[in-house]
PDB file of N, CA and C in Angstrom:
ATOM      1  N   MET A   1     -23.522  46.727 -54.624  1.00  0.00           N
ATOM      2  CA  MET A   1     -24.090  45.443 -55.927  1.00  0.00           C
ATOM      3  C   MET A   1     -22.761  44.613 -55.938  1.00  0.00           C
ATOM      4  N   LEU A   2     -23.115  43.363 -55.725  1.00  0.00           N
ATOM      5  CA  LEU A   2     -22.178  42.291 -55.902  1.00  0.00           C
ATOM      6  C   LEU A   2     -21.555  42.333 -57.852  1.00  0.00           C
ATOM      7  N   LYS A   3     -20.377  42.394 -58.380  1.00  0.00           N
ATOM      8  CA  LYS A   3     -20.012  42.344 -59.354  1.00  0.00           C
ATOM      9  C   LYS A   3     -19.148  40.898 -59.352  1.00  0.00           C
ATOM     10  N   VAL A   4     -19.068  40.517 -60.827  1.00  0.00           N
ATOM     11  CA  VAL A   4     -18.791  39.753 -61.111  1.00  0.00           C
ATOM     12  C   VAL A   4     -18.196  39.407 -62.608  1.00  0.00           C
ATOM     13  N   ALA A   5     -17.081  38.679 -62.730  1.00  0.00           N
ATOM     14  CA  ALA A   5     -16.803  38.989 -64.334  1.00  0.00           C
ATOM     15  C   ALA A   5     -16.027  37.554 -64.680  1.00  0.00           C
ATOM     16  N   SER A   6     -15.382  37.689 -66.102  1.00  0.00           N
ATOM     17  CA  SER A   6     -15.157  36.652 -66.360  1.00  0.00           C
ATOM     18  C   SER A   6     -13.423  36.726 -67.187  1.00  0.00           C
ATOM     19  N   LEU A   7     -12.584  36.183 -66.698  1.00  0.00           N
ATOM     20  CA  LEU A   7     -11.289  36.446 -67.315  1.00  0.00           C
ATOM     21  C   LEU A   7     -10.967  35.336 -68.787  1.00  0.00           C
ATOM     22  N   LYS A   8     -10.186  35.779 -69.251  1.00  0.00           N
ATOM     23  CA  LYS A   8     -10.082  34.366 -70.580  1.00  0.00           C
ATOM     24  C   LYS A   8      -9.345  33.362 -70.374  1.00  0.00           C
ATOM     25  N   ALA A   9      -8.648  33.412 -69.693  1.00  0.00           N
ATOM     26  CA  ALA A   9      -8.013  32.341 -69.097  1.00  0.00           C
ATOM     27  C   ALA A   9      -9.315  31.463 -67.932  1.00  0.00           C
ATOM     28  N   GLY A  10      -8.439  30.584 -68.714  1.00  0.00           N
ATOM     29  CA  GLY A  10      -9.033  28.847 -67.714  1.00  0.00           C
ATOM     30  C   GLY A  10     -10.148  28.453 -68.878  1.00  0.00           C
ATOM     31  N   GLY A  11      -9.949  28.579 -69.903  1.00  0.00           N
ATOM     32  CA  GLY A  11     -10.590  27.510 -71.178  1.00  0.00           C
ATOM     33  C   GLY A  11     -11.742  28.323 -71.840  1.00  0.00           C
ATOM     34  N   ARG A  12     -12.764  27.880 -72.487  1.00  0.00           N
ATOM     35  CA  ARG A  12     -13.837  28.189 -73.564  1.00  0.00           C
ATOM     36  C   ARG A  12     -14.590  29.430 -72.718  1.00  0.00           C
ATOM     37  N   ASP A  13     -15.470  28.766 -71.334  1.00  0.00           N
ATOM     38  CA  ASP A  13     -15.589  29.906 -70.395  1.00  0.00           C
ATOM     39  C   ASP A  13     -15.420  30.960 -70.291  1.00  0.00           C
ATOM     40  N   GLY A  14     -13.710  30.561 -69.463  1.00  0.00           N
ATOM     41  CA  GLY A  14     -13.026  31.810 -69.195  1.00  0.00           C
ATOM     42  C   GLY A  14     -13.222  31.032 -67.686  1.00  0.00           C
ATOM     43  N   THR A  15     -12.472  32.181 -66.471  1.00  0.00           N
ATOM     44  CA  THR A  15     -12.282  31.753 -65.144  1.00  0.00           C
ATOM     45  C   THR A  15     -13.222  33.165 -64.580  1.00  0.00           C
ATOM     46  N   LEU A  16     -13.610  32.369 -63.490  1.00  0.00           N
ATOM     47  CA  LEU A  16     -14.880  33.467 -62.607  1.00  0.00           C
ATOM     48  C   LEU A  16     -14.525  34.533 -61.836  1.00  0.00           C
ATOM     49  N   VAL A  17     -14.461  35.495 -61.725  1.00  0.00           N
ATOM     50  CA  VAL A  17     -13.896  36.165 -60.230  1.00  0.00           C
ATOM     51  C   VAL A  17     -14.740  37.054 -59.827  1.00  0.00           C
ATOM     52  N   VAL A  18     -14.337  37.534 -58.526  1.00  0.00           N
ATOM     53  CA  VAL A  18     -15.153  38.721 -58.179  1.00  0.00           C
ATOM     54  C   VAL A  18     -14.559  39.840 -58.428  1.00  0.00           C
ATOM     55  N   VAL A  19     -15.165  41.081 -58.523  1.00  0.00           N
ATOM     56  CA  VAL A  19     -14.337  42.629 -59.281  1.00  0.00           C
ATOM     57  C   VAL A  19     -14.715  43.467 -58.047  1.00  0.00           C
ATOM     58  N   SER A  20     -13.905  44.073 -57.647  1.00  0.00           N
ATOM     59  CA  SER A  20     -14.413  45.377 -56.814  1.00  0.00           C
ATOM     60  C   SER A  20     -15.323  46.403 -56.838  1.00  0.00           C
ATOM     61  N   ARG A  21     -15.278  46.778 -55.856  1.00  0.00           N
ATOM     62  CA  ARG A  21     -16.913  47.861 -55.872  1.00  0.00           C
ATOM     63  C   ARG A  21     -16.172  49.198 -57.209  1.00  0.00           C
ATOM     64  N   ASP A  22     -14.806  49.674 -56.983  1.00  0.00           N
ATOM     65  CA  ASP A  22     -14.026  50.243 -57.399  1.00  0.00           C
ATOM     66  C   ASP A  22     -13.468  49.659 -59.250  1.00  0.00           C
ATOM     67  N   LEU A  23     -13.514  48.497 -59.407  1.00  0.00           N
ATOM     68  CA  LEU A  23     -13.398  47.593 -60.811  1.00  0.00           C
ATOM     69  C   LEU A  23     -11.811  47.655 -60.554  1.00  0.00           C
ATOM     70  N   GLN A  24     -11.113  47.988 -59.603  1.00  0.00           N
ATOM     71  CA  GLN A  24      -9.432  47.777 -59.620  1.00  0.00           C
ATOM     72  C   GLN A  24      -9.284  46.440 -59.334  1.00  0.00           C
ATOM     73  N   ARG A  25      -9.687  46.180 -58.851  1.00  0.00           N
ATOM     74  CA  ARG A  25      -9.258  44.740 -57.824  1.00  0.00           C
ATOM     75  C   ARG A  25     -10.026  42.985 -58.047  1.00  0.00           C
ATOM     76  N   ALA A  26      -9.492  42.072 -58.476  1.00  0.00           N
ATOM     77  CA  ALA A  26     -10.792  41.092 -58.401  1.00  0.00           C
ATOM     78  C   ALA A  26     -10.191  40.185 -58.250  1.00  0.00           C
ATOM     79  N   VAL A  27     -10.677  39.100 -57.398  1.00  0.00           N
ATOM     80  CA  VAL A  27     -10.041  37.543 -56.957  1.00  0.00           C
ATOM     81  C   VAL A  27     -11.241  36.368 -57.760  1.00  0.00           C
ATOM     82  N   ARG A  28     -10.006  35.451 -57.859  1.00  0.00           N
ATOM     83  CA  ARG A  28     -10.719  33.986 -58.295  1.00  0.00           C
ATOM     84  C   ARG A  28     -11.631  33.276 -57.522  1.00  0.00           C
ATOM     85  N   VAL A  29     -12.700  32.970 -57.495  1.00  0.00           N
ATOM     86  CA  VAL A  29     -13.432  32.147 -56.582  1.00  0.00           C
ATOM     87  C   VAL A  29     -13.057  30.524 -56.692  1.00  0.00           C
ATOM     88  N   PRO A  30     -13.482  29.898 -56.163  1.00  0.00           N
ATOM     89  CA  PRO A  30     -12.938  29.101 -55.115  1.00  0.00           C
ATOM     90  C   PRO A  30     -13.463  28.118 -55.649  1.00  0.00           C
ATOM     91  N   ASP A  31     -13.279  26.967 -55.785  1.00  0.00           N
ATOM     92  CA  ASP A  31     -15.108  26.057 -56.362  1.00  0.00           C
ATOM     93  C   ASP A  31     -15.967  26.290 -57.426  1.00  0.00           C
ATOM     94  N   VAL A  32     -15.829  27.316 -57.973  1.00  0.00           N
ATOM     95  CA  VAL A  32     -16.578  27.943 -59.190  1.00  0.00           C
ATOM     96  C   VAL A  32     -15.306  28.377 -60.158  1.00  0.00           C
ATOM     97  N   GLN A  33     -15.532  27.470 -61.114  1.00  0.00           N
ATOM     98  CA  GLN A  33     -15.120  27.837 -61.987  1.00  0.00           C
ATOM     99  C   GLN A  33     -15.682  29.176 -63.244  1.00  0.00           C
ATOM    100  N   THR A  34     -16.357  28.594 -63.653  1.00  0.00           N
ATOM    101  CA  THR A  34     -17.447  29.707 -64.752  1.00  0.00           C
ATOM    102  C   THR A  34     -18.218  30.147 -64.138  1.00  0.00           C
ATOM    103  N   LEU A  35     -18.773  31.463 -64.604  1.00  0.00           N
ATOM    104  CA  LEU A  35     -19.742  32.429 -64.650  1.00  0.00           C
ATOM    105  C   LEU A  35     -20.996  31.676 -65.069  1.00  0.00           C
ATOM    106  N   GLN A  36     -21.416  30.319 -66.124  1.00  0.00           N
ATOM    107  CA  GLN A  36     -22.307  29.883 -66.144  1.00  0.00           C
ATOM    108  C   GLN A  36     -22.735  29.040 -64.836  1.00  0.00           C
ATOM    109  N   GLU A  37     -21.441  27.816 -64.547  1.00  0.00           N
ATOM    110  CA  GLU A  37     -21.207  27.604 -63.135  1.00  0.00           C
ATOM    111  C   GLU A  37     -22.152  27.631 -62.005  1.00  0.00           C
ATOM    112  N   ALA A  38     -22.100  29.246 -61.846  1.00  0.00           N
ATOM    113  CA  ALA A  38     -22.074  30.451 -60.391  1.00  0.00           C
ATOM    114  C   ALA A  38     -23.643  30.756 -61.201  1.00  0.00           C
ATOM    115  N   LEU A  39     -23.655  30.817 -62.064  1.00  0.00           N
ATOM    116  CA  LEU A  39     -25.507  30.542 -62.119  1.00  0.00           C
ATOM    117  C   LEU A  39     -26.262  29.484 -62.472  1.00  0.00           C
ATOM    118  N   ASP A  40     -25.503  28.474 -62.672  1.00  0.00           N
ATOM    119  CA  ASP A  40     -26.305  27.314 -62.677  1.00  0.00           C
ATOM    120  C   ASP A  40     -26.548  26.873 -61.032  1.00  0.00           C
ATOM    121  N   HIS A  41     -26.175  27.293 -60.380  1.00  0.00           N
ATOM    122  CA  HIS A  41     -26.021  27.161 -58.963  1.00  0.00           C
ATOM    123  C   HIS A  41     -26.005  28.565 -58.045  1.00  0.00           C
ATOM    124  N   TRP A  42     -26.597  29.517 -58.358  1.00  0.00           N
ATOM    125  CA  TRP A  42     -26.658  30.232 -57.509  1.00  0.00           C
ATOM    126  C   TRP A  42     -27.034  29.993 -56.223  1.00  0.00           C
ATOM    127  N   LYS A  43     -28.117  29.854 -56.213  1.00  0.00           N
ATOM    128  CA  LYS A  43     -28.537  29.344 -54.540  1.00  0.00           C
ATOM    129  C   LYS A  43     -27.718  28.689 -53.569  1.00  0.00           C
ATOM    130  N   ASP A  44     -26.279  28.151 -54.017  1.00  0.00           N
ATOM    131  CA  ASP A  44     -25.364  27.254 -53.789  1.00  0.00           C
ATOM    132  C   ASP A  44     -24.171  28.107 -53.440  1.00  0.00           C
ATOM    133  N   VAL A  45     -24.068  29.312 -54.638  1.00  0.00           N
ATOM    134  CA  VAL A  45     -22.636  29.894 -54.091  1.00  0.00           C
ATOM    135  C   VAL A  45     -23.147  31.387 -53.871  1.00  0.00           C
ATOM    136  N   SER A  46     -24.108  31.872 -54.048  1.00  0.00           N
ATOM    137  CA  SER A  46     -23.968  33.672 -53.691  1.00  0.00           C
ATOM    138  C   SER A  46     -23.955  33.550 -52.998  1.00  0.00           C
ATOM    139  N   SER A  47     -23.978  33.163 -51.716  1.00  0.00           N
ATOM    140  CA  SER A  47     -23.717  33.849 -50.561  1.00  0.00           C
ATOM    141  C   SER A  47     -22.293  33.591 -49.975  1.00  0.00           C
ATOM    142  N   VAL A  48     -21.357  32.507 -50.618  1.00  0.00           N
ATOM    143  CA  VAL A  48     -20.122  32.519 -50.643  1.00  0.00           C
ATOM    144  C   VAL A  48     -19.223  34.091 -51.820  1.00  0.00           C
ATOM    145  N   LEU A  49     -19.665  34.080 -52.807  1.00  0.00           N
ATOM    146  CA  LEU A  49     -20.004  35.141 -53.861  1.00  0.00           C
ATOM    147  C   LEU A  49     -20.270  36.887 -53.086  1.00  0.00           C
ATOM    148  N   ARG A  50     -21.001  37.039 -52.342  1.00  0.00           N
ATOM    149  CA  ARG A  50     -21.099  38.270 -51.749  1.00  0.00           C
ATOM    150  C   ARG A  50     -19.720  38.363 -50.331  1.00  0.00           C
ATOM    151  N   LEU A  51     -19.706  36.674 -49.851  1.00  0.00           N
ATOM    152  CA  LEU A  51     -18.678  37.111 -48.953  1.00  0.00           C
ATOM    153  C   LEU A  51     -17.017  37.571 -49.303  1.00  0.00           C
ATOM    154  N   LEU A  52     -16.938  37.297 -50.488  1.00  0.00           N
ATOM    155  CA  LEU A  52     -16.059  37.195 -51.473  1.00  0.00           C
ATOM    156  C   LEU A  52     -16.078  38.557 -51.742  1.00  0.00           C
ATOM    157  N   TYR A  53     -17.107  39.507 -52.091  1.00  0.00           N
ATOM    158  CA  TYR A  53     -17.034  40.790 -52.182  1.00  0.00           C
ATOM    159  C   TYR A  53     -16.977  41.701 -51.117  1.00  0.00           C
ATOM    160  N   HIS A  54     -17.489  41.594 -50.041  1.00  0.00           N
ATOM    161  CA  HIS A  54     -17.079  42.143 -48.837  1.00  0.00           C
ATOM    162  C   HIS A  54     -15.871  42.347 -48.483  1.00  0.00           C
ATOM    163  N   GLN A  55     -15.300  40.881 -48.488  1.00  0.00           N
ATOM    164  CA  GLN A  55     -13.352  40.753 -48.120  1.00  0.00           C
ATOM    165  C   GLN A  55     -13.068  41.289 -49.503  1.00  0.00           C
ATOM    166  N   LEU A  56     -12.957  41.796 -50.161  1.00  0.00           N
ATOM    167  CA  LEU A  56     -12.223  41.845 -51.336  1.00  0.00           C
ATOM    168  C   LEU A  56     -12.358  43.687 -51.441  1.00  0.00           C
ATOM    169  N   ASN A  57     -13.353  44.259 -50.734  1.00  0.00           N
ATOM    170  CA  ASN A  57     -13.585  45.758 -50.892  1.00  0.00           C
ATOM    171  C   ASN A  57     -13.255  46.191 -49.596  1.00  0.00           C
ATOM    172  N   GLN A  58     -12.931  45.110 -48.589  1.00  0.00           N
ATOM    173  CA  GLN A  58     -12.677  45.573 -47.405  1.00  0.00           C
ATOM    174  C   GLN A  58     -11.132  45.671 -47.211  1.00  0.00           C
ATOM    175  N   GLY A  59     -10.098  45.111 -48.320  1.00  0.00           N
ATOM    176  CA  GLY A  59      -9.210  44.901 -48.379  1.00  0.00           C
ATOM    177  C   GLY A  59      -8.599  43.342 -47.595  1.00  0.00           C
ATOM    178  N   LEU A  60      -9.279  42.743 -47.361  1.00  0.00           N
ATOM    179  CA  LEU A  60      -9.004  41.635 -46.362  1.00  0.00           C
ATOM    180  C   LEU A  60      -8.787  40.363 -47.525  1.00  0.00           C
ATOM    181  N   LEU A  61      -8.309  40.726 -48.672  1.00  0.00           N
ATOM    182  CA  LEU A  61      -7.971  39.394 -49.550  1.00  0.00           C
ATOM    183  C   LEU A  61      -6.804  39.393 -50.028  1.00  0.00           C
ATOM    184  N   ASN A  62      -5.401  38.833 -49.636  1.00  0.00           N
ATOM    185  CA  ASN A  62      -4.082  39.050 -50.249  1.00  0.00           C
ATOM    186  C   ASN A  62      -3.626  38.324 -51.578  1.00  0.00           C
ATOM    187  N   ASP A  63      -4.768  37.652 -52.364  1.00  0.00           N
ATOM    188  CA  ASP A  63      -4.545  36.592 -53.214  1.00  0.00           C
ATOM    189  C   ASP A  63      -5.200  37.568 -54.710  1.00  0.00           C
ATOM    190  N   SER A  64      -6.160  38.907 -54.096  1.00  0.00           N
ATOM    191  CA  SER A  64      -6.006  39.756 -55.055  1.00  0.00           C
ATOM    192  C   SER A  64      -5.481  39.985 -56.180  1.00  0.00           C
ATOM    193  N   ILE A  65      -5.993  40.075 -57.274  1.00  0.00           N
ATOM    194  CA  ILE A  65      -5.346  40.435 -58.846  1.00  0.00           C
ATOM    195  C   ILE A  65      -5.872  41.765 -59.007  1.00  0.00           C
ATOM    196  N   SER A  66      -4.383  42.858 -59.758  1.00  0.00           N
ATOM    197  CA  SER A  66      -4.893  44.015 -59.987  1.00  0.00           C
ATOM    198  C   SER A  66      -5.934  44.178 -61.770  1.00  0.00           C
ATOM    199  N   LEU A  67      -7.133  44.656 -62.025  1.00  0.00           N
ATOM    200  CA  LEU A  67      -7.366  44.152 -63.239  1.00  0.00           C
ATOM    201  C   LEU A  67      -6.937  45.891 -63.951  1.00  0.00           C
ATOM    202  N   ASN A  68      -6.430  45.953 -64.716  1.00  0.00           N
ATOM    203  CA  ASN A  68      -5.823  47.140 -65.960  1.00  0.00           C
ATOM    204  C   ASN A  68      -7.092  47.316 -66.450  1.00  0.00           C
ATOM    205  N   LEU A  69      -7.989  47.991 -66.431  1.00  0.00           N
ATOM    206  CA  LEU A  69      -9.092  48.487 -67.277  1.00  0.00           C
ATOM    207  C   LEU A  69      -8.865  50.064 -68.166  1.00  0.00           C
TER     208      LEU A  69
END
């Protein structure tokens, strides 16, 4: 199941990230700034989010960040 979240950084609505299955890593979403923007344009962005989620869980993304939960 796809996991997304908002980081506090990035303005009033935060910054959209895709979160790994184990909740340990995340990656910012290029061209989609906020969770609200993703929801408003879900049909257009959901495939990109799912691809990032898959790549993140496979360890294929060098620009992922560690989440200290």
